[in-house]
Protein backbone atom coordinates (compact mmCIF):
# COMPACT_ATOMS: atom_id res chain seq x y z
CA MET A 1 137.68 177.94 172.51
CA ASN A 2 136.61 181.45 173.40
CA SER A 3 139.05 183.66 175.27
CA ILE A 4 139.63 182.72 178.88
CA SER A 5 139.66 185.12 181.80
CA VAL A 6 142.54 184.65 184.27
CA LYS A 7 142.83 186.25 187.70
CA ARG A 8 146.12 185.74 189.54
CA ALA A 9 146.87 186.45 193.21
CA VAL A 10 149.21 185.37 195.99
CA HIS A 11 147.38 182.63 197.87
CA LEU A 12 149.98 182.02 200.59
CA LYS A 13 153.08 184.08 201.32
CA ALA A 14 156.09 181.85 201.92
CA SER A 15 158.59 182.12 204.75
CA PRO A 16 162.19 182.45 203.54
CA GLY A 17 163.39 179.11 202.19
CA ASP A 18 159.93 177.57 201.78
CA SER A 19 158.16 176.77 198.52
CA LEU A 20 154.46 176.28 199.16
CA TYR A 21 152.25 173.67 197.51
CA ALA A 22 148.46 173.49 198.08
CA LEU A 23 146.01 170.68 197.21
CA PRO A 24 142.41 171.75 198.00
CA GLN A 25 139.34 169.51 197.71
CA TYR A 26 135.68 169.82 198.72
CA VAL A 27 134.92 167.60 201.72
CA SER A 28 131.47 166.36 200.66
CA ARG A 29 129.21 166.13 197.60
CA VAL A 30 127.30 169.25 198.61
CA GLY A 31 128.31 172.46 200.33
CA LEU A 32 131.24 174.85 200.14
CA THR A 33 133.64 173.44 202.76
CA LEU A 34 137.16 172.91 201.44
CA ILE A 35 140.03 170.95 202.94
CA ASP A 36 143.59 171.77 201.94
CA ASN A 37 146.94 170.08 202.47
CA VAL A 38 149.66 172.74 202.39
CA ARG A 39 153.25 171.55 202.12
CA ALA A 40 156.27 173.76 202.73
CA GLU A 41 159.12 172.24 200.71
CA ALA A 42 162.65 173.28 201.66
CA LEU A 43 166.12 172.72 200.30
CA HIS A 44 169.13 171.20 202.05
CA PHE A 45 172.69 170.86 200.75
CA ASP A 46 174.64 167.83 201.96
CA GLU A 47 178.37 167.71 202.59
CA GLN A 48 178.99 166.94 198.91
CA GLY A 49 176.92 169.95 197.87
CA ARG A 50 174.08 167.79 196.51
CA LYS A 51 170.55 169.20 196.73
CA HIS A 52 167.99 167.42 198.91
CA TYR A 53 164.38 168.63 198.86
CA TYR A 54 162.25 167.79 201.90
CA SER A 55 158.94 168.66 203.57
CA ARG A 56 159.75 171.17 206.29
CA GLN A 57 156.13 171.65 207.33
CA LEU A 58 152.72 170.13 206.58
CA ILE A 59 149.50 171.95 207.41
CA GLN A 60 145.96 170.64 206.96
CA ARG A 61 143.31 173.33 207.09
CA GLN A 62 139.63 173.84 206.31
CA ALA A 63 137.46 176.67 205.01
CA GLU A 64 133.68 176.54 205.43
CA ASP A 65 133.12 179.57 203.17
CA ASN A 66 134.52 178.33 199.85
CA GLY A 67 138.09 179.31 200.67
CA ARG A 68 137.60 182.86 201.88
CA SER A 69 138.88 182.15 205.40
CA TRP A 70 140.83 179.18 206.72
CA ARG A 71 141.44 177.50 210.07
CA VAL A 72 144.29 175.10 210.79
CA VAL A 73 143.13 171.57 211.63
CA LYS A 74 146.56 170.08 212.28
CA GLU A 75 150.17 171.02 211.77
CA TRP A 76 153.43 169.11 211.60
CA THR A 77 156.92 170.61 211.48
CA SER A 78 160.04 168.53 210.84
CA ALA A 79 162.64 168.17 213.54
CA PRO A 80 165.84 170.18 213.15
CA GLY A 81 167.69 168.62 210.27
CA GLY A 82 164.50 167.74 208.42
CA MET A 83 165.03 165.19 205.72
CA ARG A 84 168.61 164.67 206.86
CA GLN A 85 167.23 162.30 209.49
CA ALA A 86 167.33 158.66 208.37
CA GLY A 87 164.16 156.60 208.52
CA GLU A 88 160.63 156.59 207.14
CA HIS A 89 159.15 159.77 205.72
CA GLN A 90 155.69 160.59 204.38
CA PHE A 91 154.66 162.87 201.56
CA PRO A 92 151.09 164.14 200.91
CA LEU A 93 149.66 163.18 197.51
CA GLY A 94 146.28 164.87 197.73
CA LEU A 95 142.62 164.05 198.31
CA PHE A 96 139.66 162.91 196.24
CA LEU A 97 135.93 162.64 196.88
CA LEU A 98 133.67 159.69 196.12
CA PRO A 99 130.26 161.41 195.74
CA GLY A 100 128.12 158.26 195.84
CA PRO A 101 128.98 157.15 199.39
CA ASP A 102 130.10 160.73 200.19
CA VAL A 103 133.53 159.52 201.29
CA LEU A 104 136.62 161.75 201.34
CA VAL A 105 139.90 159.91 200.67
CA GLU A 106 143.41 161.15 201.48
CA LEU A 107 146.60 159.72 199.95
CA ASN A 108 150.18 159.74 201.26
CA SER A 109 153.38 158.19 199.99
CA ILE A 110 155.79 156.58 202.44
CA TYR A 111 159.44 155.70 201.86
CA THR A 112 162.76 155.05 203.61
CA TYR A 113 165.43 157.75 203.42
CA ARG A 114 169.17 157.41 203.95
CA PRO A 115 171.18 160.65 204.14
CA ASP A 116 174.30 159.00 202.73
CA GLU A 117 172.55 158.35 199.39
CA PRO A 118 171.70 160.83 196.64
CA MET A 119 168.05 161.89 196.70
CA PHE A 120 167.64 160.91 193.05
CA GLY A 121 169.32 157.75 191.81
CA LEU A 122 168.67 154.28 190.48
CA GLY A 123 168.23 151.75 193.26
CA ASN A 124 168.43 154.17 196.18
CA SER A 125 166.36 153.49 199.30
CA ILE A 126 163.65 155.98 198.36
CA SER A 127 162.99 154.41 194.97
CA ARG A 128 163.02 150.83 196.35
CA THR A 129 160.68 151.45 199.29
CA TYR A 130 158.02 153.81 197.92
CA ARG A 131 154.47 152.70 198.60
CA THR A 132 151.16 154.52 198.97
CA LEU A 133 148.86 154.85 201.97
CA CYS A 134 145.23 155.94 202.09
CA ARG A 135 142.67 156.77 204.73
CA HIS A 136 139.07 157.95 204.51
CA SER A 137 136.56 160.17 206.27
CA ARG A 138 132.78 159.73 206.29
CA ASP A 139 132.06 162.98 208.15
CA SER A 140 133.60 165.65 205.91
CA GLY A 141 137.11 165.36 207.29
CA ARG A 142 136.30 165.68 210.99
CA THR A 143 137.45 162.14 211.79
CA TRP A 144 139.50 159.68 209.81
CA SER A 145 140.11 155.95 209.53
CA GLU A 146 143.58 154.56 210.19
CA TRP A 147 146.15 154.79 207.41
CA ARG A 148 146.26 151.62 205.31
CA GLN A 149 148.70 150.62 202.60
CA ILE A 150 147.19 150.30 199.13
CA ILE A 151 147.34 146.59 198.20
CA ASP A 152 145.71 144.70 195.33
CA HIS A 153 142.81 142.79 196.90
CA ARG A 154 143.36 139.58 194.92
CA PRO A 155 145.11 136.49 196.36
CA GLY A 156 148.89 136.59 196.29
CA TYR A 157 149.28 140.26 197.20
CA ASP A 158 150.38 141.63 200.56
CA ALA A 159 152.25 144.59 202.08
CA ARG A 160 155.48 143.48 200.43
CA ARG A 161 154.11 142.45 197.02
CA TRP A 162 151.31 144.98 196.77
CA ALA A 163 150.82 145.19 192.99
CA PRO A 164 151.71 143.15 189.88
CA GLY A 165 155.49 142.96 189.47
CA VAL A 166 156.20 145.13 192.52
CA GLU A 167 158.14 144.07 195.60
CA VAL A 168 159.10 146.47 198.40
CA GLY A 169 162.87 146.62 198.67
CA VAL A 170 163.26 145.96 194.95
CA GLN A 171 160.82 148.34 193.26
CA GLY A 172 158.90 151.16 194.83
CA GLY A 173 155.67 152.71 193.62
CA VAL A 174 153.89 155.95 194.34
CA GLY A 175 150.33 156.99 193.47
CA ASP A 176 151.33 160.32 191.98
CA GLY A 177 148.99 160.19 188.99
CA GLN A 178 145.63 161.81 188.46
CA ALA A 179 142.67 160.16 190.20
CA VAL A 180 139.45 160.39 188.17
CA LEU A 181 135.93 159.13 188.79
CA MET A 182 134.75 156.09 186.83
CA ASP A 183 131.40 156.23 188.60
CA ASP A 184 130.16 157.73 191.87
CA ALA A 185 131.88 155.04 193.96
CA THR A 186 134.94 154.12 191.85
CA ILE A 187 138.11 155.92 190.82
CA LEU A 188 140.82 155.12 188.31
CA MET A 189 144.32 156.18 189.30
CA SER A 190 147.88 155.71 188.05
CA PHE A 191 151.01 154.71 189.97
CA MET A 192 154.64 155.33 189.01
CA ILE A 193 156.77 152.22 189.57
CA GLN A 194 160.50 152.87 190.04
CA HIS A 195 162.92 150.15 188.96
CA PRO A 196 166.39 149.43 190.40
CA GLN A 197 167.97 149.57 186.94
CA ALA A 198 167.13 150.56 183.40
CA PRO A 199 167.13 148.18 180.43
CA SER A 200 170.63 147.87 179.00
CA GLU A 201 169.59 149.41 175.70
CA ASP A 202 168.57 152.69 177.38
CA VAL A 203 171.87 154.57 177.30
CA SER A 204 170.37 157.99 178.07
CA ALA A 205 171.44 160.26 180.91
CA ARG A 206 167.94 160.04 182.40
CA ALA A 207 168.18 156.24 182.67
CA LYS A 208 171.26 156.60 184.88
CA GLU A 209 169.14 158.56 187.37
CA LEU A 210 165.67 157.00 187.15
CA TYR A 211 163.75 154.36 185.24
CA SER A 212 160.02 154.00 185.77
CA THR A 213 156.89 152.40 184.36
CA GLU A 214 153.19 152.94 185.11
CA LEU A 215 150.36 150.89 186.58
CA CYS A 216 146.71 151.88 186.78
CA ALA A 217 144.33 150.72 189.47
CA GLN A 218 140.61 150.84 190.08
CA ALA A 219 139.49 151.58 193.62
CA HIS A 220 135.85 150.78 194.41
CA TRP A 221 134.12 151.69 197.66
CA ASP A 222 132.81 148.59 199.44
CA ALA A 223 130.01 149.85 201.68
CA GLU A 224 129.74 146.62 203.66
CA ARG A 225 133.45 146.56 204.53
CA SER A 226 133.70 150.37 204.65
CA GLU A 227 136.91 150.45 202.63
CA LEU A 228 138.34 150.88 199.15
CA ILE A 229 138.98 147.70 197.18
CA TRP A 230 141.98 148.09 194.86
CA THR A 231 142.56 146.18 191.60
CA PHE A 232 145.68 146.85 189.51
CA GLY A 233 146.05 146.43 185.76
CA GLU A 234 148.98 145.49 183.57
CA LYS A 235 152.32 147.32 183.40
CA ILE A 236 152.59 150.23 180.98
CA GLU A 237 156.08 150.77 179.58
CA VAL A 238 157.48 153.23 177.04
CA SER A 239 160.80 152.04 175.66
CA PHE A 240 164.02 153.62 174.49
CA PRO A 241 164.70 155.20 171.99
CA GLU A 242 161.20 156.70 171.87
CA VAL A 243 161.82 158.09 175.36
CA CYS A 244 164.57 158.09 177.99
CA GLY A 245 164.17 156.62 181.45
CA GLY A 246 160.64 155.33 180.92
CA CYS A 247 157.45 157.17 181.89
CA CYS A 248 155.98 158.80 184.99
CA GLU A 249 153.48 161.36 186.42
CA ALA A 250 150.52 160.25 184.32
CA ALA A 251 147.18 161.96 183.75
CA LEU A 252 143.86 160.37 182.82
CA ALA A 253 141.01 161.46 180.56
CA ARG A 254 137.67 159.79 179.93
CA LEU A 255 137.05 159.31 176.21
CA THR A 256 133.85 158.38 174.41
CA LYS A 257 132.73 154.75 173.96
CA ASP A 258 133.82 153.69 177.49
CA ARG A 259 137.49 154.33 176.76
CA TRP A 260 140.19 155.90 178.91
CA MET A 261 143.38 157.63 177.83
CA LEU A 262 146.53 157.76 179.96
CA THR A 263 149.14 160.39 179.08
CA MET A 264 152.62 160.10 180.57
CA ARG A 265 155.52 162.46 181.19
CA CYS A 266 158.53 161.21 179.21
CA GLN A 267 161.96 162.81 179.10
CA GLY A 268 164.35 163.18 176.19
CA ASP A 269 168.11 163.52 175.82
CA PRO A 270 169.92 166.36 174.01
CA ALA A 271 173.04 164.34 173.22
CA LEU A 272 170.93 161.60 171.65
CA LYS A 273 168.57 164.12 170.00
CA ILE A 274 165.52 162.48 171.57
CA PRO A 275 162.85 165.06 172.48
CA SER A 276 160.76 165.12 175.63
CA ARG A 277 157.14 164.31 174.90
CA ARG A 278 153.77 163.12 176.16
CA MET A 279 153.12 159.47 175.32
CA THR A 280 149.54 158.20 175.37
CA THR A 281 147.82 154.84 175.62
CA ILE A 282 144.14 153.87 175.54
CA SER A 283 142.19 151.31 177.57
CA ALA A 284 138.79 149.86 176.71
CA ASP A 285 138.47 147.75 179.87
CA GLY A 286 138.72 150.24 182.71
CA GLY A 287 142.50 150.46 182.92
CA MET A 288 143.32 146.77 183.12
CA THR A 289 144.98 146.55 179.67
CA TRP A 290 146.38 149.27 177.43
CA SER A 291 147.26 149.92 173.79
CA ARG A 292 150.77 150.50 172.49
CA PRO A 293 151.86 154.02 173.57
CA VAL A 294 152.01 156.74 170.89
CA PRO A 295 152.82 160.47 171.11
CA LEU A 296 150.06 162.88 172.15
CA ALA A 297 149.00 164.75 169.02
CA TYR A 298 146.93 167.61 167.65
CA GLU A 299 144.01 167.04 165.30
CA ASP A 300 146.36 167.40 162.30
CA GLY A 301 148.59 164.60 163.57
CA SER A 302 151.50 166.81 164.64
CA PRO A 303 152.97 166.20 168.13
CA VAL A 304 152.09 168.21 171.23
CA TRP A 305 155.47 169.44 172.48
CA THR A 306 156.05 169.80 176.20
CA PRO A 307 159.00 169.52 178.58
CA ALA A 308 159.12 166.64 181.05
CA SER A 309 156.75 168.22 183.57
CA VAL A 310 153.38 167.68 185.27
CA HIS A 311 150.16 167.90 183.24
CA ARG A 312 146.51 167.30 184.05
CA PHE A 313 143.12 166.96 182.38
CA PHE A 314 140.16 168.98 183.66
CA VAL A 315 136.47 168.48 182.90
CA SER A 316 134.40 171.65 183.26
CA SER A 317 130.81 171.35 184.45
CA ARG A 318 130.34 174.89 183.12
CA THR A 319 131.21 174.08 179.48
CA GLY A 320 130.96 170.28 179.44
CA LYS A 321 134.37 170.15 177.76
CA THR A 322 137.64 168.43 178.66
CA TYR A 323 140.86 170.48 178.79
CA LEU A 324 144.57 169.74 178.92
CA ILE A 325 146.63 171.88 181.34
CA ALA A 326 150.36 171.71 180.61
CA ASN A 327 153.53 173.57 179.67
CA ILE A 328 152.70 173.51 175.94
CA LEU A 329 155.60 174.61 173.72
CA PRO A 330 155.87 175.61 170.05
CA GLY A 331 158.63 173.08 169.36
CA PRO A 332 160.60 170.21 170.91
CA VAL A 333 162.91 170.41 173.92
CA PHE A 334 165.02 167.63 175.38
CA GLY A 335 164.73 167.97 179.15
CA GLN A 336 162.47 169.20 181.94
CA THR A 337 162.45 172.89 181.01
CA PRO A 338 161.23 175.46 180.18
CA ARG A 339 158.22 175.07 182.44
CA TYR A 340 156.50 178.09 180.99
CA PRO A 341 154.19 179.08 179.58
CA LEU A 342 151.53 177.20 181.51
CA SER A 343 148.66 176.84 179.04
CA ILE A 344 145.24 175.30 178.63
CA ALA A 345 143.75 173.73 175.50
CA GLU A 346 140.58 171.89 174.55
CA PHE A 347 140.85 168.11 174.29
CA ASP A 348 138.63 166.20 171.86
CA VAL A 349 137.41 163.12 173.76
CA ASP A 350 136.10 161.43 170.62
CA ARG A 351 139.35 161.58 168.61
CA ALA A 352 141.71 161.73 171.65
CA VAL A 353 143.54 164.78 170.29
CA VAL A 354 144.36 168.31 171.45
CA LEU A 355 142.79 171.13 169.42
CA LYS A 356 145.72 173.28 168.32
CA GLY A 357 143.75 176.47 167.75
CA SER A 358 142.35 176.42 171.28
CA ILE A 359 145.65 176.85 173.17
CA GLN A 360 145.62 179.81 175.56
CA VAL A 361 148.32 180.94 177.98
CA ILE A 362 147.58 181.04 181.70
CA GLN A 363 151.04 182.22 182.81
CA ASP A 364 154.26 182.97 180.92
CA ARG A 365 157.67 183.91 182.35
CA PRO A 366 157.57 187.52 183.59
CA ALA A 367 160.20 189.95 182.36
CA GLY A 368 163.32 189.74 184.53
CA ALA A 369 162.43 186.35 186.05
CA PRO A 370 165.17 183.68 185.98
CA GLU A 371 165.15 181.34 182.98
CA ASP A 372 164.53 178.39 185.33
CA ARG A 373 161.26 179.90 186.68
CA ARG A 374 158.62 177.17 186.82
CA TYR A 375 154.84 177.23 186.60
CA THR A 376 154.01 173.58 187.20
CA ASN A 377 153.20 171.01 189.95
CA PHE A 378 149.77 172.55 190.50
CA GLY A 379 146.74 171.53 192.49
CA GLU A 380 143.38 172.09 190.82
CA TYR A 381 139.64 172.03 191.48
CA GLU A 382 136.41 173.56 190.15
CA ASP A 383 134.83 176.33 192.24
CA ARG A 384 131.27 175.25 193.07
CA GLU A 385 130.00 178.82 193.27
CA THR A 386 131.49 180.26 190.09
CA GLY A 387 132.38 177.24 187.94
CA GLU A 388 135.91 178.60 187.60
CA LEU A 389 138.94 176.35 187.25
CA VAL A 390 141.20 177.07 190.23
CA LEU A 391 144.93 176.33 190.05
CA LEU A 392 147.42 176.65 192.92
CA LEU A 393 151.20 176.39 192.51
CA PRO A 394 154.51 177.66 193.91
CA GLU A 395 156.29 180.39 191.96
CA HIS A 396 159.96 179.43 192.09
CA PRO A 397 162.82 179.99 191.84
CA GLN A 398 162.22 183.66 192.46
CA HIS A 399 165.62 185.22 191.83
CA LYS A 400 168.19 182.60 190.74
CA ASN A 401 168.45 179.68 188.35
CA TYR A 402 168.69 176.22 189.92
CA ALA A 403 172.42 175.88 189.22
CA ASP A 404 172.97 179.12 191.14
CA LEU A 405 171.11 178.11 194.30
CA THR A 406 173.73 178.10 197.05
CA GLU A 407 171.70 178.38 200.27
CA PRO A 408 168.27 177.24 201.48
CA GLY A 409 166.81 180.73 201.33
CA ASP A 410 167.27 180.79 197.54
CA TYR A 411 164.41 178.30 197.19
CA THR A 412 161.58 180.58 198.41
CA GLY A 413 158.33 180.35 196.45
CA ASP A 414 154.95 181.91 197.26
CA CYS A 415 151.86 179.85 196.47
CA LEU A 416 149.88 181.53 193.69
CA ILE A 417 146.19 181.07 192.94
CA TYR A 418 144.72 181.39 189.44
CA ARG A 419 141.00 181.67 188.83
CA ILE A 420 140.21 180.80 185.21
CA ARG A 421 136.80 181.39 183.66
CA LEU A 422 136.13 179.09 180.71
CA THR A 423 133.49 179.93 178.13
């Protein structure tokens, strides 16, 4: 891969205590109008000193000039106390566009929160009640359908049992994976399924906090019914001792010969000397069945080392190539850090491997920044005017490591924008 050109700027300046996430998407198959869901995430400490992250503010906005100027469409701010209030909460997951019917789709997760429970923990209310909602717009985001829960369309599924092996109140599931087009009216998307307990053989520290598997689903636009029809595939599981606590936050890439590859975030354990890694599986039937998971590798067979963090694939219309965007490291680590550098590398869709010599750094840790600084959890799209890859992410923590955060204001993070020219 030729050298990339990276331009970095502050996209949104955060108020004290907010970390800002942005998820832009074009509203129709032609034109330069963007819609963006901006989420201000804040930090609360409960009486036991445990950290609780919550959405303090959600803003949906539009730009009709390819992002040069924005107007707020709607705004929601949490009541005093924020996530400390018991009950149902929603969380924006992003938007995708179906170019065939020219339908814009928005996704939200919904879950039940109890302030007397830890935010992260096996069998807590959040993990048992997660489900995913969607709504659509046929007029470029001006009006929207009602929110509907995503449910497998086949007989035997309903709001409680909405996917194979999932039952609200027992397991929860959230559509936090990458949604990719199969054709102009169909997407393939992954869902993380959280389980109330880990298998007994998984003795890792991660499995005491979370155990998850993956499902993929096709969603096809039914023009007659004016809705998405969802069909889920089989469960995808990565077992101990290859990984700890299962798999989550998957990304999808289209391979040659009508194949798809799913890559999953998998955590390790330092005491057990199990490294964090990306595990991959391949489907030849549109995500309904999958091969046995194996580690993501370079063309020479060596593993691609990453922490347990978000990654995505990107297909450039400018170059025609597929790229992996991830925190790519020179060697193994056992947890979720470091989440720098953030890098990009070419991905060979014929051999399903990353090309080692193509890795280029987008952002490394600046001198003087805390060791826990993170460049991850990004939104991405391709600029229709320039063909640039555009990434947006919060830069946090700004001044302290996570263990040293003692007050909400320590969690401030501006939203950065990177414009990356690929050649």
